[in-house]
Amino acid sequence: NEDQIVELKPQDVIIPEKGGEYLLKVANFVDECLEKIYKLKRYYNAEKKEDLIGKLVIGLAPHTSAGVLGRIIGFSSASVGYAHPFFHAAKRRNCDGDEDSFLLALDALLNFSRLFLPEKRGGKMDAPLVLTTKIDPREVDKEVRNMDIVDVYPIDFYRISQKFSKPQKIRIEKVGDRLGEENAFYDFKFTHNTSNISMGPRISAYKTLSAMEDKINAQLDLAEKIAAVDENDTAERVINSHFLPDLIGNMRAFSTQSFRCVDCNKKYRRVPLSGKCVCGGRLVLTVSHGSVEKYLKIAKMLVEKYEVDPYIRERIEIIEKSIETVFTGKKKQMSLADFL
């Protein structure tokens, strides 16, 4: 029945069609490993992505090490992963367009070892070091408890909203109200229906826009159109939370960088007295000039176009002067296009 609405189980997931095609290749690879390396029977025997429906996957949010077990129940034409709110919260990944990932459960179990992980800082991120096999709503991120689960908002909700009253003044059933009860996992209602869950944008603009400047311009262009958003505050937050830490961090990385041999790839903390590698190869920097100031132009554009805090404006100016001091006398590398 195409008109039937089926509620997602807490650990059921719907993945993008392109993701299904990729996992199909992974499934064939895992089967070959089982057959040719471990001398065992093939497990997936998948010929098309639909053959993976019902198979177990592990959901893993970027920059974390805790995976959550899930089950594929279908595919979507949109580049988005649909899952129960508890599933997203268990991965500490809310539903606001963040990147996410799925991997076949057998792939994670078969092709994993701590010996594969880098020893450097952050090497244990993006690897399922621990696995949640059963979701307990009392243990997931508390943010999901504030999600309302009603099919209609009472008229009092709209009346109170006109007075800009505090949310606590209106009683609307939320996820947190059902914790410990039998229906804590199901019967979550919604207020607006749709004929297709994949309607609307099929892919995030953050992925279609390649340049950071284009992404920032699109974000602030939208902020200027929305009456409820202060575009000056948005620009200030972008600078404060993204550009400033990157500019300062890249400057620090440049001043403490190592040197690499172009021939044998050996790295040096300091340049040897001979000025070259022990193999005789030429040494080059590992952090480029361009990577240090890649966000400076955008940051300057934002402080000039929007009314940001004078303190932030001055910090950008100080960073610019610091970069000029480090790279004084350096000429910009020219390309053939500059002579056309």
Protein backbone atom coordinates (compact mmCIF):
# COMPACT_ATOMS: atom_id res chain seq x y z
CA ASN A 1 0.00 0.00 0.00
CA GLU A 2 1.78 3.15 -1.23
CA ASP A 3 -0.37 5.38 0.98
CA GLN A 4 0.48 3.48 4.16
CA ILE A 5 2.56 5.29 6.78
CA VAL A 6 4.96 2.96 8.58
CA GLU A 7 6.65 4.18 11.74
CA LEU A 8 10.40 3.67 11.96
CA LYS A 9 11.63 1.29 14.63
CA PRO A 10 14.32 2.74 16.95
CA GLN A 11 17.19 1.04 15.11
CA ASP A 12 15.86 0.92 11.55
CA VAL A 13 17.53 3.16 8.97
CA ILE A 14 16.82 4.33 5.42
CA ILE A 15 20.02 5.19 3.58
CA PRO A 16 20.67 7.11 0.32
CA GLU A 17 20.57 5.11 -2.92
CA LYS A 18 24.18 6.06 -3.69
CA GLY A 19 25.14 4.82 -0.23
CA GLY A 20 23.37 1.54 -0.97
CA GLU A 21 25.34 1.13 -4.21
CA TYR A 22 28.57 1.74 -2.33
CA LEU A 23 27.68 -0.73 0.43
CA LEU A 24 26.87 -3.30 -2.27
CA LYS A 25 30.50 -3.09 -3.43
CA VAL A 26 31.66 -3.39 0.18
CA ALA A 27 29.45 -6.45 0.67
CA ASN A 28 31.01 -8.14 -2.37
CA PHE A 29 34.48 -7.30 -1.04
CA VAL A 30 33.65 -8.77 2.39
CA ASP A 31 32.31 -11.93 0.74
CA GLU A 32 35.56 -12.32 -1.20
CA CYS A 33 37.53 -11.89 2.02
CA LEU A 34 35.46 -14.61 3.70
CA GLU A 35 35.81 -16.97 0.75
CA LYS A 36 39.42 -16.46 -0.35
CA ILE A 37 41.19 -15.43 2.85
CA TYR A 38 39.25 -17.07 5.67
CA LYS A 39 37.98 -20.08 3.64
CA LEU A 40 34.41 -19.47 4.84
CA LYS A 41 31.07 -19.24 3.06
CA ARG A 42 30.00 -15.96 1.50
CA TYR A 43 27.60 -14.07 3.75
CA TYR A 44 25.87 -11.30 1.81
CA ASN A 45 25.56 -12.86 -1.67
CA ALA A 46 24.19 -9.51 -2.84
CA GLU A 47 23.66 -8.79 -6.53
CA LYS A 48 21.75 -5.52 -6.13
CA LYS A 49 21.43 -2.98 -3.34
CA GLU A 50 17.94 -4.23 -2.45
CA ASP A 51 19.56 -7.50 -1.34
CA LEU A 52 21.03 -5.55 1.60
CA ILE A 53 17.60 -4.77 3.06
CA GLY A 54 17.42 -6.38 6.49
CA LYS A 55 21.21 -6.45 6.91
CA LEU A 56 22.88 -4.88 9.93
CA VAL A 57 24.92 -1.69 9.71
CA ILE A 58 26.79 0.48 12.17
CA GLY A 59 25.98 4.18 12.32
CA LEU A 60 29.01 6.27 13.22
CA ALA A 61 29.03 10.05 13.50
CA PRO A 62 32.22 11.85 12.38
CA HIS A 63 34.87 12.54 15.04
CA THR A 64 33.43 9.95 17.43
CA SER A 65 34.39 6.39 18.36
CA ALA A 66 31.01 4.95 19.42
CA GLY A 67 28.92 3.17 16.79
CA VAL A 68 25.23 2.24 17.00
CA LEU A 69 23.82 -0.94 15.49
CA GLY A 70 21.06 -0.48 12.93
CA ARG A 71 19.14 -2.35 10.24
CA ILE A 72 18.63 -1.27 6.62
CA ILE A 73 14.93 -1.19 5.70
CA GLY A 74 15.05 0.87 2.51
CA PHE A 75 16.67 3.52 0.34
CA SER A 76 16.00 7.17 -0.43
CA SER A 77 16.68 9.21 -3.57
CA ALA A 78 17.79 12.07 -1.31
CA SER A 79 21.32 12.23 0.09
CA VAL A 80 20.13 11.85 3.65
CA GLY A 81 19.94 9.12 6.25
CA TYR A 82 16.50 8.65 7.80
CA ALA A 83 16.39 7.08 11.24
CA HIS A 84 14.54 7.18 14.55
CA PRO A 85 15.38 10.23 16.71
CA PHE A 86 16.82 7.88 19.34
CA PHE A 87 19.22 6.44 16.76
CA HIS A 88 20.58 9.88 15.86
CA ALA A 89 20.79 10.91 19.51
CA ALA A 90 22.61 7.70 20.44
CA LYS A 91 25.32 8.63 17.92
CA ARG A 92 25.35 12.17 19.36
CA ARG A 93 24.36 13.46 15.96
CA ASN A 94 21.25 15.64 15.72
CA CYS A 95 19.12 16.06 12.61
CA ASP A 96 20.30 19.43 11.32
CA GLY A 97 22.19 18.48 8.17
CA ASP A 98 25.38 17.17 9.77
CA GLU A 99 27.51 14.59 7.99
CA ASP A 100 26.96 10.98 9.02
CA SER A 101 28.16 7.52 8.03
CA PHE A 102 27.11 3.87 7.85
CA LEU A 103 29.27 0.78 7.50
CA LEU A 104 28.29 -2.85 7.15
CA ALA A 105 28.46 -4.58 10.52
CA LEU A 106 30.47 -7.53 9.19
CA ASP A 107 32.94 -5.19 7.51
CA ALA A 108 33.56 -3.44 10.83
CA LEU A 109 34.02 -6.74 12.66
CA LEU A 110 36.13 -8.46 10.03
CA ASN A 111 38.37 -5.66 8.77
CA PHE A 112 39.16 -3.88 12.00
CA SER A 113 42.10 -3.84 14.36
CA ARG A 114 43.52 -1.21 16.68
CA LEU A 115 46.80 -1.83 14.86
CA PHE A 116 45.26 -0.16 11.80
CA LEU A 117 44.65 3.10 13.67
CA PRO A 118 47.16 5.99 13.49
CA GLU A 119 49.17 6.64 16.63
CA LYS A 120 48.95 10.40 16.28
CA ARG A 121 46.46 12.59 18.11
CA GLY A 122 42.91 11.96 16.93
CA GLY A 123 43.84 8.60 15.45
CA LYS A 124 41.08 6.82 17.36
CA MET A 125 38.34 9.02 15.96
CA ASP A 126 36.05 7.80 13.17
CA ALA A 127 36.55 4.17 14.20
CA PRO A 128 33.89 2.05 16.01
CA LEU A 129 35.90 1.26 19.15
CA VAL A 130 32.67 0.58 21.06
CA LEU A 131 29.27 -0.52 19.79
CA THR A 132 25.78 0.10 21.17
CA THR A 133 23.67 -2.93 20.26
CA LYS A 134 20.48 -1.88 22.06
CA ILE A 135 19.36 1.73 22.44
CA ASP A 136 18.13 2.87 25.84
CA PRO A 137 16.32 6.24 25.51
CA ARG A 138 17.37 7.13 29.05
CA GLU A 139 21.04 6.99 28.01
CA VAL A 140 21.01 8.90 24.72
CA ASP A 141 21.69 12.62 24.25
CA LYS A 142 19.14 14.59 26.28
CA GLU A 143 18.45 16.94 23.37
CA VAL A 144 16.02 14.43 21.85
CA ARG A 145 13.84 14.51 24.97
CA ASN A 146 12.65 18.00 24.04
CA MET A 147 11.19 16.87 20.69
CA ASP A 148 7.40 17.17 20.61
CA ILE A 149 5.40 14.12 19.48
CA VAL A 150 1.90 15.53 18.95
CA ASP A 151 -0.15 15.61 15.75
CA VAL A 152 -1.57 19.09 16.34
CA TYR A 153 -0.59 22.15 18.36
CA PRO A 154 -3.31 23.57 20.64
CA ILE A 155 -4.63 27.07 19.97
CA ASP A 156 -3.09 28.22 23.26
CA PHE A 157 0.34 27.50 21.79
CA TYR A 158 -0.16 30.14 19.10
CA ARG A 159 -1.69 32.64 21.53
CA ILE A 160 1.22 32.33 23.95
CA SER A 161 3.76 32.55 21.12
CA GLN A 162 2.37 35.98 20.19
CA LYS A 163 3.24 37.16 23.70
CA PHE A 164 6.80 35.78 23.41
CA SER A 165 6.21 33.77 26.58
CA LYS A 166 8.54 31.06 27.85
CA PRO A 167 8.00 27.58 26.31
CA GLN A 168 7.35 26.10 29.76
CA LYS A 169 4.03 27.93 29.93
CA ILE A 170 2.37 25.62 27.40
CA ARG A 171 1.95 21.88 27.90
CA ILE A 172 2.87 19.85 24.77
CA GLU A 173 3.78 16.17 24.99
CA LYS A 174 7.47 15.53 24.38
CA VAL A 175 9.71 12.48 24.10
CA GLY A 176 10.96 13.00 27.65
CA ASP A 177 7.42 12.61 29.01
CA ARG A 178 7.34 8.94 27.99
CA LEU A 179 10.66 7.73 29.36
CA GLY A 180 10.18 4.49 31.26
CA GLU A 181 6.74 3.87 29.74
CA GLU A 182 5.74 1.15 27.29
CA ASN A 183 5.22 3.57 24.39
CA ALA A 184 8.57 5.30 24.86
CA PHE A 185 9.74 3.93 21.48
CA TYR A 186 6.69 4.22 19.25
CA ASP A 187 3.55 6.19 18.40
CA PHE A 188 5.47 9.41 17.81
CA LYS A 189 3.07 11.67 15.91
CA PHE A 190 3.85 14.54 13.52
CA THR A 191 2.03 17.73 12.59
CA HIS A 192 2.52 17.98 8.81
CA ASN A 193 2.04 15.21 6.27
CA THR A 194 3.89 14.65 2.98
CA SER A 195 3.39 12.39 -0.01
CA ASN A 196 7.10 11.59 -0.25
CA ILE A 197 9.76 11.85 2.45
CA SER A 198 12.36 12.58 -0.23
CA MET A 199 10.58 15.71 -1.48
CA GLY A 200 12.47 18.98 -1.31
CA PRO A 201 16.22 19.43 -1.74
CA ARG A 202 17.84 16.09 -2.61
CA ILE A 203 21.31 17.18 -1.54
CA SER A 204 22.62 19.78 0.89
CA ALA A 205 23.86 23.06 -0.59
CA TYR A 206 26.91 22.62 1.63
CA LYS A 207 27.96 19.78 -0.69
CA THR A 208 26.96 21.36 -4.00
CA LEU A 209 28.88 24.56 -3.25
CA SER A 210 32.56 23.69 -3.37
CA ALA A 211 34.26 26.95 -2.36
CA MET A 212 34.07 28.12 1.27
CA GLU A 213 33.39 31.69 0.11
CA ASP A 214 30.32 30.50 -1.83
CA LYS A 215 29.04 28.63 1.23
CA ILE A 216 29.43 31.65 3.50
CA ASN A 217 27.79 33.99 0.99
CA ALA A 218 24.85 31.60 0.59
CA GLN A 219 24.45 31.28 4.36
CA LEU A 220 24.50 35.03 4.97
CA ASP A 221 22.29 35.73 1.96
CA LEU A 222 19.70 33.47 3.56
CA ALA A 223 20.22 35.13 6.95
CA GLU A 224 19.46 38.52 5.40
CA LYS A 225 16.16 37.23 4.01
CA ILE A 226 14.90 35.66 7.25
CA ALA A 227 13.35 38.23 9.60
CA ALA A 228 14.01 36.10 12.68
CA VAL A 229 17.76 35.97 11.99
CA ASP A 230 20.26 38.74 12.71
CA GLU A 231 22.76 38.59 9.84
CA ASN A 232 25.32 40.62 11.80
CA ASP A 233 25.21 38.13 14.66
CA THR A 234 25.46 35.25 12.16
CA ALA A 235 28.58 36.75 10.57
CA GLU A 236 30.11 37.32 14.00
CA ARG A 237 29.46 33.73 15.05
CA VAL A 238 31.00 32.36 11.84
CA ILE A 239 34.15 34.42 12.38
CA ASN A 240 34.39 33.61 16.08
CA SER A 241 33.75 29.88 15.89
CA HIS A 242 35.38 29.02 12.56
CA PHE A 243 37.69 31.55 10.93
CA LEU A 244 39.53 32.92 13.97
CA PRO A 245 40.47 29.49 15.40
CA ASP A 246 41.57 28.33 11.93
CA LEU A 247 43.70 31.40 11.24
CA ILE A 248 45.37 31.26 14.65
CA GLY A 249 45.83 27.48 14.48
CA ASN A 250 47.32 27.61 10.98
CA MET A 251 49.76 30.32 12.04
CA ARG A 252 50.87 28.17 14.96
CA ALA A 253 51.16 25.12 12.71
CA PHE A 254 53.34 27.08 10.26
CA SER A 255 55.71 28.28 13.00
CA THR A 256 56.11 24.80 14.49
CA GLN A 257 56.05 22.76 11.29
CA SER A 258 58.43 20.01 10.30
CA PHE A 259 60.36 19.59 7.06
CA ARG A 260 60.01 16.76 4.55
CA CYS A 261 62.44 15.25 2.07
CA VAL A 262 61.04 15.17 -1.46
CA ASP A 263 63.00 11.99 -2.27
CA CYS A 264 62.70 9.62 0.72
CA ASN A 265 59.83 11.39 2.54
CA LYS A 266 61.80 11.49 5.81
CA LYS A 267 60.63 14.25 8.17
CA TYR A 268 62.77 16.56 10.29
CA ARG A 269 61.76 18.68 13.26
CA ARG A 270 64.62 21.06 12.44
CA VAL A 271 66.59 21.59 9.23
CA PRO A 272 69.95 19.73 9.44
CA LEU A 273 73.11 21.87 9.37
CA SER A 274 73.83 20.51 5.90
CA GLY A 275 70.54 21.98 4.68
CA LYS A 276 69.51 18.73 3.04
CA CYS A 277 68.34 15.21 3.88
CA VAL A 278 70.73 12.41 4.80
CA CYS A 279 69.89 10.88 1.43
CA GLY A 280 70.88 14.11 -0.29
CA GLY A 281 67.32 15.07 -1.15
CA ARG A 282 65.83 18.56 -1.00
CA LEU A 283 63.81 19.56 2.08
CA VAL A 284 60.48 21.35 1.73
CA LEU A 285 57.95 22.87 4.14
CA THR A 286 55.00 20.75 5.26
CA VAL A 287 52.67 23.74 5.82
CA SER A 288 52.19 26.11 2.90
CA HIS A 289 51.74 29.88 2.86
CA GLY A 290 48.33 29.51 1.24
CA SER A 291 46.96 27.28 3.99
CA VAL A 292 47.83 29.91 6.62
CA GLU A 293 45.83 32.74 5.07
CA LYS A 294 43.15 30.80 3.18
CA TYR A 295 40.32 32.24 5.34
CA LEU A 296 41.77 35.73 5.84
CA LYS A 297 40.15 37.21 2.73
CA ILE A 298 36.69 35.90 3.67
CA ALA A 299 37.06 37.05 7.29
CA LYS A 300 38.04 40.56 6.15
CA MET A 301 35.06 40.65 3.80
CA LEU A 302 32.69 39.77 6.64
CA VAL A 303 34.00 42.40 9.07
CA GLU A 304 33.76 45.05 6.36
CA LYS A 305 30.27 44.12 5.19
CA TYR A 306 28.58 43.41 8.53
CA GLU A 307 28.45 45.15 11.90
CA VAL A 308 30.55 42.84 14.04
CA ASP A 309 32.03 43.49 17.47
CA PRO A 310 35.02 45.91 17.29
CA TYR A 311 37.07 43.41 19.30
CA ILE A 312 36.63 40.76 16.59
CA ARG A 313 37.44 43.32 13.90
CA GLU A 314 40.68 44.21 15.69
CA ARG A 315 41.63 40.55 16.11
CA ILE A 316 41.34 40.05 12.35
CA GLU A 317 43.55 43.10 11.78
CA ILE A 318 46.16 41.81 14.26
CA ILE A 319 46.20 38.38 12.61
CA GLU A 320 46.60 40.00 9.18
CA LYS A 321 49.59 42.02 10.41
CA SER A 322 51.10 38.88 11.97
CA ILE A 323 50.80 37.03 8.66
CA GLU A 324 52.35 39.96 6.79
CA THR A 325 55.23 39.98 9.28
CA VAL A 326 55.93 36.28 8.79
CA PHE A 327 55.70 36.40 5.01
CA THR A 328 57.23 39.84 4.45
CA GLY A 329 58.99 40.18 1.14
CA LYS A 330 57.30 37.09 -0.24
CA LYS A 331 55.86 37.55 -3.70
CA LYS A 332 52.72 35.80 -4.75
CA GLN A 333 53.44 32.87 -7.04
CA MET A 334 52.29 33.67 -10.56
CA SER A 335 50.75 31.33 -13.09
CA LEU A 336 50.67 31.42 -16.89
CA ALA A 337 47.17 32.91 -16.66
CA ASP A 338 48.66 36.10 -15.17
CA PHE A 339 50.46 36.81 -18.45
CA LEU A 340 47.44 36.30 -20.71
